[in-house]
């Protein structure tokens, strides 16, 4: 079993990894990243992160080209800060 500190370190590592949504050309490309990676990206953006891998990928792709302060209310998570 991993300790809480190890889990926090893993999460911090994922959040520090650079991600450029503009480099993605399709929802399928995002789906290939897997559910955990998508969840961490969405969380780091302050966006809702639940649902299936496909739902997460579609939600993330829908934000391509949109400034953070323009994110629709329906995708903003509890931790969203404009």
PDB file of N, CA and C in Angstrom:
ATOM      1  N   UNK A   1       0.834  -1.200   0.000  1.00  0.00           N
ATOM      2  CA  UNK A   1       0.000   0.000   0.000  1.00  0.00           C
ATOM      3  C   UNK A   1       0.866   1.245   0.000  1.00  0.00           C
ATOM      4  N   UNK A   2       0.391   2.226  -0.720  1.00  0.00           N
ATOM      5  CA  UNK A   2       1.147   3.476  -0.809  1.00  0.00           C
ATOM      6  C   UNK A   2       0.672   4.433   0.272  1.00  0.00           C
ATOM      7  N   UNK A   3       1.586   5.232   0.759  1.00  0.00           N
ATOM      8  CA  UNK A   3       1.231   6.207   1.785  1.00  0.00           C
ATOM      9  C   UNK A   3       0.537   7.408   1.153  1.00  0.00           C
ATOM     10  N   UNK A   4      -0.097   8.195   1.994  1.00  0.00           N
ATOM     11  CA  UNK A   4      -0.784   9.393   1.521  1.00  0.00           C
ATOM     12  C   UNK A   4       0.204  10.365   0.880  1.00  0.00           C
ATOM     13  N   UNK A   5       1.416  10.445   1.430  1.00  0.00           N
ATOM     14  CA  UNK A   5       2.422  11.346   0.869  1.00  0.00           C
ATOM     15  C   UNK A   5       2.829  10.926  -0.532  1.00  0.00           C
ATOM     16  N   UNK A   6       2.965   9.609  -0.761  1.00  0.00           N
ATOM     17  CA  UNK A   6       3.312   9.126  -2.094  1.00  0.00           C
ATOM     18  C   UNK A   6       2.217   9.457  -3.095  1.00  0.00           C
ATOM     19  N   UNK A   7       0.961   9.332  -2.686  1.00  0.00           N
ATOM     20  CA  UNK A   7      -0.153   9.663  -3.563  1.00  0.00           C
ATOM     21  C   UNK A   7      -0.155  11.145  -3.893  1.00  0.00           C
ATOM     22  N   UNK A   8       0.126  11.983  -2.900  1.00  0.00           N
ATOM     23  CA  UNK A   8       0.176  13.425  -3.129  1.00  0.00           C
ATOM     24  C   UNK A   8       1.311  13.770  -4.096  1.00  0.00           C
ATOM     25  N   UNK A   9       2.446  13.104  -3.944  1.00  0.00           N
ATOM     26  CA  UNK A   9       3.583  13.348  -4.834  1.00  0.00           C
ATOM     27  C   UNK A   9       3.237  12.953  -6.261  1.00  0.00           C
ATOM     28  N   UNK A  10       2.557  11.816  -6.429  1.00  0.00           N
ATOM     29  CA  UNK A  10       2.145  11.380  -7.761  1.00  0.00           C
ATOM     30  C   UNK A  10       1.220  12.402  -8.397  1.00  0.00           C
ATOM     31  N   UNK A  11       0.267  12.893  -7.626  1.00  0.00           N
ATOM     32  CA  UNK A  11      -0.682  13.869  -8.156  1.00  0.00           C
ATOM     33  C   UNK A  11       0.041  15.157  -8.523  1.00  0.00           C
ATOM     34  N   UNK A  12       0.963  15.589  -7.691  1.00  0.00           N
ATOM     35  CA  UNK A  12       1.715  16.805  -7.980  1.00  0.00           C
ATOM     36  C   UNK A  12       2.524  16.637  -9.262  1.00  0.00           C
ATOM     37  N   UNK A  13       3.082  15.467  -9.470  1.00  0.00           N
ATOM     38  CA  UNK A  13       3.852  15.202 -10.678  1.00  0.00           C
ATOM     39  C   UNK A  13       2.971  15.308 -11.904  1.00  0.00           C
ATOM     40  N   UNK A  14       1.792  14.717 -11.836  1.00  0.00           N
ATOM     41  CA  UNK A  14       0.869  14.755 -12.972  1.00  0.00           C
ATOM     42  C   UNK A  14       0.477  16.188 -13.271  1.00  0.00           C
ATOM     43  N   UNK A  15       0.191  16.982 -12.233  1.00  0.00           N
ATOM     44  CA  UNK A  15      -0.240  18.355 -12.447  1.00  0.00           C
ATOM     45  C   UNK A  15       0.879  19.211 -13.022  1.00  0.00           C
ATOM     46  N   UNK A  16       2.128  18.853 -12.752  1.00  0.00           N
ATOM     47  CA  UNK A  16       3.251  19.634 -13.260  1.00  0.00           C
ATOM     48  C   UNK A  16       3.568  19.307 -14.711  1.00  0.00           C
ATOM     49  N   UNK A  17       3.117  18.124 -15.175  1.00  0.00           N
ATOM     50  CA  UNK A  17       3.368  17.753 -16.559  1.00  0.00           C
ATOM     51  C   UNK A  17       2.679  18.759 -17.460  1.00  0.00           C
ATOM     52  N   UNK A  18       3.383  19.190 -18.482  1.00  0.00           N
ATOM     53  CA  UNK A  18       2.778  20.176 -19.371  1.00  0.00           C
ATOM     54  C   UNK A  18       1.759  19.499 -20.279  1.00  0.00           C
ATOM     55  N   UNK A  19       0.704  20.221 -20.550  1.00  0.00           N
ATOM     56  CA  UNK A  19      -0.334  19.725 -21.434  1.00  0.00           C
ATOM     57  C   UNK A  19      -0.842  20.891 -22.253  1.00  0.00           C
ATOM     58  N   UNK A  20      -0.840  20.749 -23.565  1.00  0.00           N
ATOM     59  CA  UNK A  20      -1.315  21.799 -24.449  1.00  0.00           C
ATOM     60  C   UNK A  20      -2.498  21.266 -25.246  1.00  0.00           C
ATOM     61  N   UNK A  21      -3.679  21.707 -24.874  1.00  0.00           N
ATOM     62  CA  UNK A  21      -4.902  21.239 -25.532  1.00  0.00           C
ATOM     63  C   UNK A  21      -4.897  21.582 -27.012  1.00  0.00           C
ATOM     64  N   UNK A  22      -4.236  22.650 -27.373  1.00  0.00           N
ATOM     65  CA  UNK A  22      -4.179  23.052 -28.784  1.00  0.00           C
ATOM     66  C   UNK A  22      -3.427  22.039 -29.644  1.00  0.00           C
ATOM     67  N   UNK A  23      -2.631  21.185 -29.031  1.00  0.00           N
ATOM     68  CA  UNK A  23      -1.888  20.174 -29.765  1.00  0.00           C
ATOM     69  C   UNK A  23      -2.743  18.936 -30.070  1.00  0.00           C
ATOM     70  N   UNK A  24      -3.909  18.835 -29.445  1.00  0.00           N
ATOM     71  CA  UNK A  24      -4.801  17.688 -29.663  1.00  0.00           C
ATOM     72  C   UNK A  24      -5.754  17.995 -30.805  1.00  0.00           C
ATOM     73  N   UNK A  25      -5.927  17.019 -31.691  1.00  0.00           N
ATOM     74  CA  UNK A  25      -6.759  17.265 -32.863  1.00  0.00           C
ATOM     75  C   UNK A  25      -8.093  16.529 -32.833  1.00  0.00           C
ATOM     76  N   UNK A  26      -8.304  15.668 -31.830  1.00  0.00           N
ATOM     77  CA  UNK A  26      -9.566  14.941 -31.780  1.00  0.00           C
ATOM     78  C   UNK A  26      -9.874  14.440 -30.370  1.00  0.00           C
ATOM     79  N   UNK A  27     -11.142  14.106 -30.166  1.00  0.00           N
ATOM     80  CA  UNK A  27     -11.567  13.521 -28.898  1.00  0.00           C
ATOM     81  C   UNK A  27     -10.880  12.166 -28.715  1.00  0.00           C
ATOM     82  N   UNK A  28     -10.746  11.410 -29.796  1.00  0.00           N
ATOM     83  CA  UNK A  28     -10.108  10.090 -29.705  1.00  0.00           C
ATOM     84  C   UNK A  28      -8.665  10.192 -29.219  1.00  0.00           C
ATOM     85  N   UNK A  29      -7.978  11.219 -29.648  1.00  0.00           N
ATOM     86  CA  UNK A  29      -6.601  11.433 -29.202  1.00  0.00           C
ATOM     87  C   UNK A  29      -6.568  11.640 -27.687  1.00  0.00           C
ATOM     88  N   UNK A  30      -7.551  12.373 -27.179  1.00  0.00           N
ATOM     89  CA  UNK A  30      -7.634  12.599 -25.742  1.00  0.00           C
ATOM     90  C   UNK A  30      -8.022  11.314 -25.015  1.00  0.00           C
ATOM     91  N   UNK A  31      -8.956  10.552 -25.591  1.00  0.00           N
ATOM     92  CA  UNK A  31      -9.376   9.296 -24.965  1.00  0.00           C
ATOM     93  C   UNK A  31      -8.195   8.358 -24.773  1.00  0.00           C
ATOM     94  N   UNK A  32      -7.260   8.382 -25.707  1.00  0.00           N
ATOM     95  CA  UNK A  32      -6.084   7.514 -25.626  1.00  0.00           C
ATOM     96  C   UNK A  32      -5.206   7.828 -24.417  1.00  0.00           C
ATOM     97  N   UNK A  33      -5.383   8.995 -23.827  1.00  0.00           N
ATOM     98  CA  UNK A  33      -4.601   9.370 -22.653  1.00  0.00           C
ATOM     99  C   UNK A  33      -5.038   8.589 -21.420  1.00  0.00           C
ATOM    100  N   UNK A  34      -6.265   8.084 -21.427  1.00  0.00           N
ATOM    101  CA  UNK A  34      -6.769   7.298 -20.307  1.00  0.00           C
ATOM    102  C   UNK A  34      -7.540   8.144 -19.308  1.00  0.00           C
ATOM    103  N   UNK A  35      -8.395   7.486 -18.536  1.00  0.00           N
ATOM    104  CA  UNK A  35      -9.280   8.204 -17.623  1.00  0.00           C
ATOM    105  C   UNK A  35      -8.567   8.964 -16.506  1.00  0.00           C
ATOM    106  N   UNK A  36      -7.508   8.386 -15.956  1.00  0.00           N
ATOM    107  CA  UNK A  36      -6.823   9.051 -14.846  1.00  0.00           C
ATOM    108  C   UNK A  36      -6.108  10.322 -15.292  1.00  0.00           C
ATOM    109  N   UNK A  37      -5.434  10.248 -16.426  1.00  0.00           N
ATOM    110  CA  UNK A  37      -4.727  11.442 -16.955  1.00  0.00           C
ATOM    111  C   UNK A  37      -5.735  12.540 -17.280  1.00  0.00           C
ATOM    112  N   UNK A  38      -6.854  12.162 -17.906  1.00  0.00           N
ATOM    113  CA  UNK A  38      -7.889  13.150 -18.228  1.00  0.00           C
ATOM    114  C   UNK A  38      -8.439  13.778 -16.959  1.00  0.00           C
ATOM    115  N   UNK A  39      -8.695  12.957 -15.960  1.00  0.00           N
ATOM    116  CA  UNK A  39      -9.222  13.478 -14.693  1.00  0.00           C
ATOM    117  C   UNK A  39      -8.265  14.497 -14.094  1.00  0.00           C
ATOM    118  N   UNK A  40      -6.984  14.186 -14.074  1.00  0.00           N
ATOM    119  CA  UNK A  40      -6.006  15.115 -13.498  1.00  0.00           C
ATOM    120  C   UNK A  40      -5.917  16.416 -14.286  1.00  0.00           C
ATOM    121  N   UNK A  41      -6.004  16.330 -15.591  1.00  0.00           N
ATOM    122  CA  UNK A  41      -5.972  17.546 -16.419  1.00  0.00           C
ATOM    123  C   UNK A  41      -7.204  18.395 -16.129  1.00  0.00           C
ATOM    124  N   UNK A  42      -8.372  17.755 -16.118  1.00  0.00           N
ATOM    125  CA  UNK A  42      -9.612  18.488 -15.861  1.00  0.00           C
ATOM    126  C   UNK A  42      -9.586  19.129 -14.478  1.00  0.00           C
ATOM    127  N   UNK A  43      -9.128  18.383 -13.484  1.00  0.00           N
ATOM    128  CA  UNK A  43      -9.035  18.938 -12.125  1.00  0.00           C
ATOM    129  C   UNK A  43      -8.113  20.147 -12.086  1.00  0.00           C
ATOM    130  N   UNK A  44      -6.980  20.040 -12.759  1.00  0.00           N
ATOM    131  CA  UNK A  44      -6.015  21.150 -12.745  1.00  0.00           C
ATOM    132  C   UNK A  44      -6.572  22.391 -13.446  1.00  0.00           C
ATOM    133  N   UNK A  45      -7.565  22.179 -14.324  1.00  0.00           N
ATOM    134  CA  UNK A  45      -8.193  23.291 -15.031  1.00  0.00           C
ATOM    135  C   UNK A  45      -9.409  23.830 -14.288  1.00  0.00           C
ATOM    136  N   UNK A  46      -9.789  23.166 -13.192  1.00  0.00           N
ATOM    137  CA  UNK A  46     -10.961  23.596 -12.439  1.00  0.00           C
ATOM    138  C   UNK A  46     -12.265  23.175 -13.086  1.00  0.00           C
ATOM    139  N   UNK A  47     -12.221  22.120 -13.892  1.00  0.00           N
ATOM    140  CA  UNK A  47     -13.377  21.651 -14.646  1.00  0.00           C
ATOM    141  C   UNK A  47     -13.877  20.342 -14.041  1.00  0.00           C
ATOM    142  N   UNK A  48     -15.180  20.089 -14.179  1.00  0.00           N
ATOM    143  CA  UNK A  48     -15.746  18.836 -13.696  1.00  0.00           C
ATOM    144  C   UNK A  48     -14.979  17.672 -14.308  1.00  0.00           C
ATOM    145  N   UNK A  49     -14.766  16.629 -13.509  1.00  0.00           N
ATOM    146  CA  UNK A  49     -13.899  15.547 -13.983  1.00  0.00           C
ATOM    147  C   UNK A  49     -14.553  14.176 -13.920  1.00  0.00           C
ATOM    148  N   UNK A  50     -15.829  14.099 -13.662  1.00  0.00           N
ATOM    149  CA  UNK A  50     -16.503  12.813 -13.579  1.00  0.00           C
ATOM    150  C   UNK A  50     -16.891  12.277 -14.939  1.00  0.00           C
ATOM    151  N   UNK A  51     -17.488  11.089 -14.928  1.00  0.00           N
ATOM    152  CA  UNK A  51     -17.983  10.485 -16.153  1.00  0.00           C
ATOM    153  C   UNK A  51     -17.032   9.467 -16.741  1.00  0.00           C
ATOM    154  N   UNK A  52     -17.420   8.980 -17.896  1.00  0.00           N
ATOM    155  CA  UNK A  52     -16.609   7.981 -18.591  1.00  0.00           C
ATOM    156  C   UNK A  52     -15.407   8.653 -19.242  1.00  0.00           C
ATOM    157  N   UNK A  53     -14.508   7.843 -19.730  1.00  0.00           N
ATOM    158  CA  UNK A  53     -13.338   8.380 -20.434  1.00  0.00           C
ATOM    159  C   UNK A  53     -13.786   9.222 -21.623  1.00  0.00           C
ATOM    160  N   UNK A  54     -14.784   8.750 -22.353  1.00  0.00           N
ATOM    161  CA  UNK A  54     -15.265   9.498 -23.515  1.00  0.00           C
ATOM    162  C   UNK A  54     -15.890  10.828 -23.090  1.00  0.00           C
ATOM    163  N   UNK A  55     -16.669  10.829 -22.022  1.00  0.00           N
ATOM    164  CA  UNK A  55     -17.283  12.071 -21.546  1.00  0.00           C
ATOM    165  C   UNK A  55     -16.220  13.071 -21.100  1.00  0.00           C
ATOM    166  N   UNK A  56     -15.207  12.584 -20.423  1.00  0.00           N
ATOM    167  CA  UNK A  56     -14.110  13.459 -19.986  1.00  0.00           C
ATOM    168  C   UNK A  56     -13.379  14.045 -21.189  1.00  0.00           C
ATOM    169  N   UNK A  57     -13.114  13.199 -22.175  1.00  0.00           N
ATOM    170  CA  UNK A  57     -12.402  13.652 -23.376  1.00  0.00           C
ATOM    171  C   UNK A  57     -13.226  14.691 -24.129  1.00  0.00           C
ATOM    172  N   UNK A  58     -14.530  14.454 -24.263  1.00  0.00           N
ATOM    173  CA  UNK A  58     -15.401  15.413 -24.956  1.00  0.00           C
ATOM    174  C   UNK A  58     -15.456  16.737 -24.202  1.00  0.00           C
ATOM    175  N   UNK A  59     -15.536  16.663 -22.868  1.00  0.00           N
ATOM    176  CA  UNK A  59     -15.588  17.883 -22.054  1.00  0.00           C
ATOM    177  C   UNK A  59     -14.302  18.678 -22.230  1.00  0.00           C
ATOM    178  N   UNK A  60     -13.182  18.001 -22.180  1.00  0.00           N
ATOM    179  CA  UNK A  60     -11.896  18.677 -22.341  1.00  0.00           C
ATOM    180  C   UNK A  60     -11.760  19.270 -23.739  1.00  0.00           C
ATOM    181  N   UNK A  61     -12.110  18.499 -24.750  1.00  0.00           N
ATOM    182  CA  UNK A  61     -11.976  18.976 -26.129  1.00  0.00           C
ATOM    183  C   UNK A  61     -12.896  20.168 -26.385  1.00  0.00           C
ATOM    184  N   UNK A  62     -14.037  20.221 -25.704  1.00  0.00           N
ATOM    185  CA  UNK A  62     -14.973  21.333 -25.896  1.00  0.00           C
ATOM    186  C   UNK A  62     -14.387  22.661 -25.422  1.00  0.00           C
ATOM    187  N   UNK A  63     -13.329  22.600 -24.642  1.00  0.00           N
ATOM    188  CA  UNK A  63     -12.706  23.816 -24.110  1.00  0.00           C
ATOM    189  C   UNK A  63     -11.563  24.326 -24.979  1.00  0.00           C
ATOM    190  N   UNK A  64     -11.274  23.606 -26.048  1.00  0.00           N
ATOM    191  CA  UNK A  64     -10.176  23.994 -26.931  1.00  0.00           C
ATOM    192  C   UNK A  64     -10.456  25.370 -27.534  1.00  0.00           C
ATOM    193  N   UNK A  65      -9.494  26.269 -27.385  1.00  0.00           N
ATOM    194  CA  UNK A  65      -9.615  27.608 -27.946  1.00  0.00           C
ATOM    195  C   UNK A  65     -10.433  28.582 -27.117  1.00  0.00           C
ATOM    196  N   UNK A  66     -10.879  28.152 -25.940  1.00  0.00           N
ATOM    197  CA  UNK A  66     -11.694  29.017 -25.082  1.00  0.00           C
ATOM    198  C   UNK A  66     -10.842  29.486 -23.903  1.00  0.00           C
ATOM    199  N   UNK A  67     -10.908  30.784 -23.623  1.00  0.00           N
ATOM    200  CA  UNK A  67     -10.195  31.324 -22.466  1.00  0.00           C
ATOM    201  C   UNK A  67     -10.866  30.809 -21.194  1.00  0.00           C
ATOM    202  N   UNK A  68     -10.085  30.660 -20.152  1.00  0.00           N
ATOM    203  CA  UNK A  68     -10.582  30.127 -18.871  1.00  0.00           C
ATOM    204  C   UNK A  68     -11.810  30.873 -18.366  1.00  0.00           C
ATOM    205  N   UNK A  69     -11.807  32.185 -18.462  1.00  0.00           N
ATOM    206  CA  UNK A  69     -12.954  32.956 -17.954  1.00  0.00           C
ATOM    207  C   UNK A  69     -14.191  32.808 -18.833  1.00  0.00           C
ATOM    208  N   UNK A  70     -14.064  32.128 -19.976  1.00  0.00           N
ATOM    209  CA  UNK A  70     -15.200  31.899 -20.868  1.00  0.00           C
ATOM    210  C   UNK A  70     -15.747  30.472 -20.767  1.00  0.00           C
ATOM    211  N   UNK A  71     -15.153  29.643 -19.892  1.00  0.00           N
ATOM    212  CA  UNK A  71     -15.653  28.272 -19.748  1.00  0.00           C
ATOM    213  C   UNK A  71     -17.133  28.308 -19.377  1.00  0.00           C
ATOM    214  N   UNK A  72     -17.952  27.494 -20.021  1.00  0.00           N
ATOM    215  CA  UNK A  72     -19.377  27.458 -19.688  1.00  0.00           C
ATOM    216  C   UNK A  72     -19.582  27.002 -18.239  1.00  0.00           C
ATOM    217  N   UNK A  73     -20.599  27.539 -17.593  1.00  0.00           N
ATOM    218  CA  UNK A  73     -20.888  27.171 -16.209  1.00  0.00           C
ATOM    219  C   UNK A  73     -21.112  25.671 -16.048  1.00  0.00           C
ATOM    220  N   UNK A  74     -21.676  25.032 -17.077  1.00  0.00           N
ATOM    221  CA  UNK A  74     -21.995  23.601 -16.955  1.00  0.00           C
ATOM    222  C   UNK A  74     -20.756  22.713 -16.831  1.00  0.00           C
ATOM    223  N   UNK A  75     -19.574  23.203 -17.204  1.00  0.00           N
ATOM    224  CA  UNK A  75     -18.366  22.396 -17.089  1.00  0.00           C
ATOM    225  C   UNK A  75     -17.484  22.822 -15.919  1.00  0.00           C
ATOM    226  N   UNK A  76     -17.791  23.948 -15.324  1.00  0.00           N
ATOM    227  CA  UNK A  76     -16.965  24.431 -14.209  1.00  0.00           C
ATOM    228  C   UNK A  76     -17.163  23.564 -12.977  1.00  0.00           C
ATOM    229  N   UNK A  77     -16.060  23.190 -12.358  1.00  0.00           N
ATOM    230  CA  UNK A  77     -16.101  22.383 -11.144  1.00  0.00           C
ATOM    231  C   UNK A  77     -16.184  23.245  -9.907  1.00  0.00           C
ATOM    232  N   UNK A  78     -16.290  22.590  -8.763  1.00  0.00           N
ATOM    233  CA  UNK A  78     -16.360  23.318  -7.480  1.00  0.00           C
ATOM    234  C   UNK A  78     -15.086  24.096  -7.202  1.00  0.00           C
ATOM    235  N   UNK A  79     -13.968  23.633  -7.760  1.00  0.00           N
ATOM    236  CA  UNK A  79     -12.677  24.277  -7.525  1.00  0.00           C
ATOM    237  C   UNK A  79     -12.318  25.290  -8.602  1.00  0.00           C
ATOM    238  N   UNK A  80     -13.289  25.699  -9.424  1.00  0.00           N
ATOM    239  CA  UNK A  80     -13.013  26.618 -10.530  1.00  0.00           C
ATOM    240  C   UNK A  80     -12.728  28.018 -10.025  1.00  0.00           C
ATOM    241  N   UNK A  81     -11.633  28.577 -10.516  1.00  0.00           N
ATOM    242  CA  UNK A  81     -11.274  29.966 -10.217  1.00  0.00           C
ATOM    243  C   UNK A  81     -11.010  30.641 -11.547  1.00  0.00           C
ATOM    244  N   UNK A  82     -11.815  31.656 -11.913  1.00  0.00           N
ATOM    245  CA  UNK A  82     -11.647  32.315 -13.219  1.00  0.00           C
ATOM    246  C   UNK A  82     -10.304  32.989 -13.387  1.00  0.00           C
TER     247      UNK A  82
END
